[in-house]
């Protein structure tokens, strides 16, 4: 274990505590929003990007990236609105709701870390030696590509893009 593992563990604990505070129902909605946001952004960024290409000086790559970000943010916004609507009706047993919310919060923060690691990996951070000596880094890094592969039935290997 190295410093990456300690950072990952601390962040997962923070995710658990935030989920414990919010509860199960709100965390499930947030997690589904995150997963659908990533999946829909990945699936439709190219076609939506073609609609935006004229706004970005015919740069298809940039328009696809912007489209993916917009799709992701719109899905997250919709999930946030749904969480606020559902919250008053959330009447699950308090302790069970909090503990399960903590578990979902931990899973959700692992997905956020996966996205962050994929982004940082583009810039060569952290160093290869630190990645190889980490117990949990590769698992977290590969979580989003593996989830996309699973959701898409392995039609196109998302891990090939990362």
C-alpha atoms as a PDB file:
ATOM      1  CA  UNK A   1       0.000   0.000   0.000  1.00  0.00           C
ATOM      2  CA  UNK A   2       1.168   3.497  -0.780  1.00  0.00           C
ATOM      3  CA  UNK A   3      -0.148   7.023  -0.414  1.00  0.00           C
ATOM      4  CA  UNK A   4      -2.659   6.491  -3.257  1.00  0.00           C
ATOM      5  CA  UNK A   5      -4.348   3.731  -1.267  1.00  0.00           C
ATOM      6  CA  UNK A   6      -4.588   5.900   1.836  1.00  0.00           C
ATOM      7  CA  UNK A   7      -6.077   8.758  -0.175  1.00  0.00           C
ATOM      8  CA  UNK A   8      -8.592   6.392  -1.792  1.00  0.00           C
ATOM      9  CA  UNK A   9      -9.596   4.943   1.604  1.00  0.00           C
ATOM     10  CA  UNK A  10     -10.086   8.397   3.154  1.00  0.00           C
ATOM     11  CA  UNK A  11     -12.177   9.569   0.199  1.00  0.00           C
ATOM     12  CA  UNK A  12     -14.310   6.401   0.348  1.00  0.00           C
ATOM     13  CA  UNK A  13     -14.921   7.040   4.063  1.00  0.00           C
ATOM     14  CA  UNK A  14     -15.963  10.606   3.268  1.00  0.00           C
ATOM     15  CA  UNK A  15     -18.353   9.235   0.630  1.00  0.00           C
ATOM     16  CA  UNK A  16     -19.780   6.821   3.196  1.00  0.00           C
ATOM     17  CA  UNK A  17     -20.343   9.619   5.712  1.00  0.00           C
ATOM     18  CA  UNK A  18     -22.021  11.849   3.128  1.00  0.00           C
ATOM     19  CA  UNK A  19     -24.228   8.945   2.058  1.00  0.00           C
ATOM     20  CA  UNK A  20     -25.038   8.183   5.681  1.00  0.00           C
ATOM     21  CA  UNK A  21     -26.210  11.785   6.043  1.00  0.00           C
ATOM     22  CA  UNK A  22     -28.338  11.758   2.855  1.00  0.00           C
ATOM     23  CA  UNK A  23     -29.824   8.278   3.110  1.00  0.00           C
ATOM     24  CA  UNK A  24     -30.442   5.408   0.717  1.00  0.00           C
ATOM     25  CA  UNK A  25     -33.173   6.735  -1.548  1.00  0.00           C
ATOM     26  CA  UNK A  26     -31.441  10.028  -2.325  1.00  0.00           C
ATOM     27  CA  UNK A  27     -28.083   8.299  -2.854  1.00  0.00           C
ATOM     28  CA  UNK A  28     -29.565   5.700  -5.214  1.00  0.00           C
ATOM     29  CA  UNK A  29     -31.080   8.468  -7.315  1.00  0.00           C
ATOM     30  CA  UNK A  30     -27.730  10.284  -7.322  1.00  0.00           C
ATOM     31  CA  UNK A  31     -25.795   7.136  -8.236  1.00  0.00           C
ATOM     32  CA  UNK A  32     -28.209   6.272 -11.036  1.00  0.00           C
ATOM     33  CA  UNK A  33     -27.884   9.831 -12.300  1.00  0.00           C
ATOM     34  CA  UNK A  34     -24.105   9.504 -12.283  1.00  0.00           C
ATOM     35  CA  UNK A  35     -24.100   6.137 -14.074  1.00  0.00           C
ATOM     36  CA  UNK A  36     -26.705   7.175 -16.641  1.00  0.00           C
ATOM     37  CA  UNK A  37     -24.939  10.505 -17.126  1.00  0.00           C
ATOM     38  CA  UNK A  38     -21.646   8.797 -17.915  1.00  0.00           C
ATOM     39  CA  UNK A  39     -23.283   6.149 -20.102  1.00  0.00           C
ATOM     40  CA  UNK A  40     -25.472   8.559 -22.058  1.00  0.00           C
ATOM     41  CA  UNK A  41     -22.602  11.009 -22.503  1.00  0.00           C
ATOM     42  CA  UNK A  42     -20.408   8.218 -23.825  1.00  0.00           C
ATOM     43  CA  UNK A  43     -23.161   6.860 -26.094  1.00  0.00           C
ATOM     44  CA  UNK A  44     -24.499  10.101 -27.573  1.00  0.00           C
ATOM     45  CA  UNK A  45     -21.621  12.595 -27.447  1.00  0.00           C
ATOM     46  CA  UNK A  46     -20.710  11.900 -31.072  1.00  0.00           C
ATOM     47  CA  UNK A  47     -24.188  12.394 -32.503  1.00  0.00           C
ATOM     48  CA  UNK A  48     -24.962  15.436 -30.330  1.00  0.00           C
ATOM     49  CA  UNK A  49     -21.487  16.755 -31.125  1.00  0.00           C
ATOM     50  CA  UNK A  50     -22.381  16.742 -34.826  1.00  0.00           C
ATOM     51  CA  UNK A  51     -25.207  19.147 -34.008  1.00  0.00           C
ATOM     52  CA  UNK A  52     -22.773  21.445 -32.177  1.00  0.00           C
ATOM     53  CA  UNK A  53     -19.881  21.294 -34.657  1.00  0.00           C
ATOM     54  CA  UNK A  54     -20.795  24.584 -36.351  1.00  0.00           C
ATOM     55  CA  UNK A  55     -20.419  26.415 -33.014  1.00  0.00           C
ATOM     56  CA  UNK A  56     -16.834  25.168 -32.589  1.00  0.00           C
ATOM     57  CA  UNK A  57     -15.257  26.065 -35.950  1.00  0.00           C
ATOM     58  CA  UNK A  58     -15.947  22.616 -37.420  1.00  0.00           C
ATOM     59  CA  UNK A  59     -13.830  20.899 -34.758  1.00  0.00           C
ATOM     60  CA  UNK A  60     -15.630  17.553 -34.386  1.00  0.00           C
ATOM     61  CA  UNK A  61     -13.515  16.338 -31.476  1.00  0.00           C
ATOM     62  CA  UNK A  62     -14.091  19.467 -29.394  1.00  0.00           C
ATOM     63  CA  UNK A  63     -17.807  19.496 -30.168  1.00  0.00           C
ATOM     64  CA  UNK A  64     -18.081  15.823 -29.129  1.00  0.00           C
ATOM     65  CA  UNK A  65     -16.280  16.512 -25.848  1.00  0.00           C
ATOM     66  CA  UNK A  66     -18.496  19.538 -25.122  1.00  0.00           C
ATOM     67  CA  UNK A  67     -21.589  17.495 -26.048  1.00  0.00           C
ATOM     68  CA  UNK A  68     -20.538  14.729 -23.656  1.00  0.00           C
ATOM     69  CA  UNK A  69     -20.026  17.211 -20.834  1.00  0.00           C
ATOM     70  CA  UNK A  70     -23.400  18.851 -21.531  1.00  0.00           C
ATOM     71  CA  UNK A  71     -25.226  15.514 -21.615  1.00  0.00           C
ATOM     72  CA  UNK A  72     -23.576  14.475 -18.353  1.00  0.00           C
ATOM     73  CA  UNK A  73     -24.440  17.761 -16.618  1.00  0.00           C
ATOM     74  CA  UNK A  74     -28.064  17.699 -17.829  1.00  0.00           C
ATOM     75  CA  UNK A  75     -28.554  14.151 -16.512  1.00  0.00           C
ATOM     76  CA  UNK A  76     -26.980  15.103 -13.154  1.00  0.00           C
ATOM     77  CA  UNK A  77     -29.252  18.167 -12.962  1.00  0.00           C
ATOM     78  CA  UNK A  78     -32.333  16.018 -13.635  1.00  0.00           C
ATOM     79  CA  UNK A  79     -31.234  13.536 -10.937  1.00  0.00           C
ATOM     80  CA  UNK A  80     -30.742  16.404  -8.471  1.00  0.00           C
ATOM     81  CA  UNK A  81     -34.240  17.720  -9.171  1.00  0.00           C
ATOM     82  CA  UNK A  82     -35.696  14.231  -8.694  1.00  0.00           C
ATOM     83  CA  UNK A  83     -33.820  13.866  -5.372  1.00  0.00           C
ATOM     84  CA  UNK A  84     -35.359  17.101  -4.102  1.00  0.00           C
ATOM     85  CA  UNK A  85     -38.846  16.025  -5.177  1.00  0.00           C
ATOM     86  CA  UNK A  86     -38.541  12.538  -3.621  1.00  0.00           C
ATOM     87  CA  UNK A  87     -36.951  13.635  -0.320  1.00  0.00           C
ATOM     88  CA  UNK A  88     -40.193  14.520   1.553  1.00  0.00           C
ATOM     89  CA  UNK A  89     -41.622  11.087   0.678  1.00  0.00           C
ATOM     90  CA  UNK A  90     -38.505   9.202   1.828  1.00  0.00           C
ATOM     91  CA  UNK A  91     -39.907   7.234   4.794  1.00  0.00           C
ATOM     92  CA  UNK A  92     -37.563   4.234   5.082  1.00  0.00           C
ATOM     93  CA  UNK A  93     -36.362   3.077   8.543  1.00  0.00           C
ATOM     94  CA  UNK A  94     -33.876   5.751   9.604  1.00  0.00           C
ATOM     95  CA  UNK A  95     -30.870   3.562  10.560  1.00  0.00           C
ATOM     96  CA  UNK A  96     -31.247   1.203   7.598  1.00  0.00           C
ATOM     97  CA  UNK A  97     -31.721   4.196   5.305  1.00  0.00           C
ATOM     98  CA  UNK A  98     -28.557   5.840   6.636  1.00  0.00           C
ATOM     99  CA  UNK A  99     -26.302   2.757   6.578  1.00  0.00           C
ATOM    100  CA  UNK A 100     -27.374   1.740   3.087  1.00  0.00           C
ATOM    101  CA  UNK A 101     -27.064   5.374   2.013  1.00  0.00           C
ATOM    102  CA  UNK A 102     -23.496   5.259   3.304  1.00  0.00           C
ATOM    103  CA  UNK A 103     -22.744   2.184   1.200  1.00  0.00           C
ATOM    104  CA  UNK A 104     -24.217   3.817  -1.897  1.00  0.00           C
ATOM    105  CA  UNK A 105     -22.320   7.029  -1.085  1.00  0.00           C
ATOM    106  CA  UNK A 106     -19.068   5.061  -0.969  1.00  0.00           C
ATOM    107  CA  UNK A 107     -19.844   3.449  -4.343  1.00  0.00           C
ATOM    108  CA  UNK A 108     -20.742   6.825  -5.809  1.00  0.00           C
ATOM    109  CA  UNK A 109     -17.489   8.426  -4.659  1.00  0.00           C
ATOM    110  CA  UNK A 110     -15.521   5.500  -6.123  1.00  0.00           C
ATOM    111  CA  UNK A 111     -17.121   6.276  -9.505  1.00  0.00           C
ATOM    112  CA  UNK A 112     -16.167   9.947  -9.130  1.00  0.00           C
ATOM    113  CA  UNK A 113     -12.589   8.906  -8.329  1.00  0.00           C
ATOM    114  CA  UNK A 114     -12.578   6.634 -11.381  1.00  0.00           C
ATOM    115  CA  UNK A 115     -13.525   9.583 -13.593  1.00  0.00           C
ATOM    116  CA  UNK A 116     -10.882  11.742 -11.921  1.00  0.00           C
ATOM    117  CA  UNK A 117      -8.199   9.064 -12.319  1.00  0.00           C
ATOM    118  CA  UNK A 118      -9.084   8.626 -16.003  1.00  0.00           C
ATOM    119  CA  UNK A 119      -8.674  12.376 -16.473  1.00  0.00           C
ATOM    120  CA  UNK A 120      -5.395  12.566 -14.519  1.00  0.00           C
ATOM    121  CA  UNK A 121      -4.092   9.521 -16.390  1.00  0.00           C
ATOM    122  CA  UNK A 122      -4.137  11.608 -19.584  1.00  0.00           C
ATOM    123  CA  UNK A 123      -1.470  13.826 -18.008  1.00  0.00           C
ATOM    124  CA  UNK A 124       0.630  10.916 -16.725  1.00  0.00           C
ATOM    125  CA  UNK A 125      -0.331  11.411 -13.087  1.00  0.00           C
ATOM    126  CA  UNK A 126       0.391   9.564 -10.874  1.00  0.00           C
ATOM    127  CA  UNK A 127       3.672   8.011 -11.959  1.00  0.00           C
ATOM    128  CA  UNK A 128       3.625   4.444 -13.273  1.00  0.00           C
ATOM    129  CA  UNK A 129       5.604   3.140 -10.292  1.00  0.00           C
ATOM    130  CA  UNK A 130       3.076   4.598  -7.846  1.00  0.00           C
ATOM    131  CA  UNK A 131       0.177   3.113  -9.830  1.00  0.00           C
ATOM    132  CA  UNK A 132       1.810  -0.318  -9.905  1.00  0.00           C
ATOM    133  CA  UNK A 133       2.541  -0.284  -6.155  1.00  0.00           C
ATOM    134  CA  UNK A 134      -1.012   0.689  -5.276  1.00  0.00           C
ATOM    135  CA  UNK A 135      -3.415  -1.979  -4.089  1.00  0.00           C
ATOM    136  CA  UNK A 136      -6.590  -0.182  -5.214  1.00  0.00           C
ATOM    137  CA  UNK A 137      -5.654   2.337  -7.929  1.00  0.00           C
ATOM    138  CA  UNK A 138      -6.160   0.065 -10.960  1.00  0.00           C
ATOM    139  CA  UNK A 139      -9.502  -1.197  -9.660  1.00  0.00           C
ATOM    140  CA  UNK A 140     -10.788   2.358  -9.233  1.00  0.00           C
ATOM    141  CA  UNK A 141      -9.257   3.528 -12.535  1.00  0.00           C
ATOM    142  CA  UNK A 142     -10.929   0.747 -14.538  1.00  0.00           C
ATOM    143  CA  UNK A 143     -14.339   0.948 -12.855  1.00  0.00           C
ATOM    144  CA  UNK A 144     -15.988   3.321 -15.356  1.00  0.00           C
ATOM    145  CA  UNK A 145     -14.649   1.576 -18.498  1.00  0.00           C
ATOM    146  CA  UNK A 146     -15.727  -1.817 -17.126  1.00  0.00           C
ATOM    147  CA  UNK A 147     -19.166  -0.446 -16.181  1.00  0.00           C
ATOM    148  CA  UNK A 148     -19.623   0.968 -19.681  1.00  0.00           C
ATOM    149  CA  UNK A 149     -18.558  -2.368 -21.195  1.00  0.00           C
ATOM    150  CA  UNK A 150     -21.054  -4.176 -18.987  1.00  0.00           C
ATOM    151  CA  UNK A 151     -23.884  -1.727 -19.722  1.00  0.00           C
ATOM    152  CA  UNK A 152     -23.275  -1.859 -23.465  1.00  0.00           C
ATOM    153  CA  UNK A 153     -22.952  -5.626 -23.555  1.00  0.00           C
ATOM    154  CA  UNK A 154     -19.279  -5.361 -24.572  1.00  0.00           C
ATOM    155  CA  UNK A 155     -20.335  -4.172 -28.073  1.00  0.00           C
ATOM    156  CA  UNK A 156     -17.455  -1.734 -28.009  1.00  0.00           C
ATOM    157  CA  UNK A 157     -14.759  -1.998 -25.397  1.00  0.00           C
ATOM    158  CA  UNK A 158     -14.814   1.313 -23.541  1.00  0.00           C
ATOM    159  CA  UNK A 159     -11.523   0.377 -21.933  1.00  0.00           C
ATOM    160  CA  UNK A 160      -9.926   0.698 -25.388  1.00  0.00           C
ATOM    161  CA  UNK A 161     -10.714   4.426 -25.314  1.00  0.00           C
ATOM    162  CA  UNK A 162      -9.070   4.970 -21.937  1.00  0.00           C
END
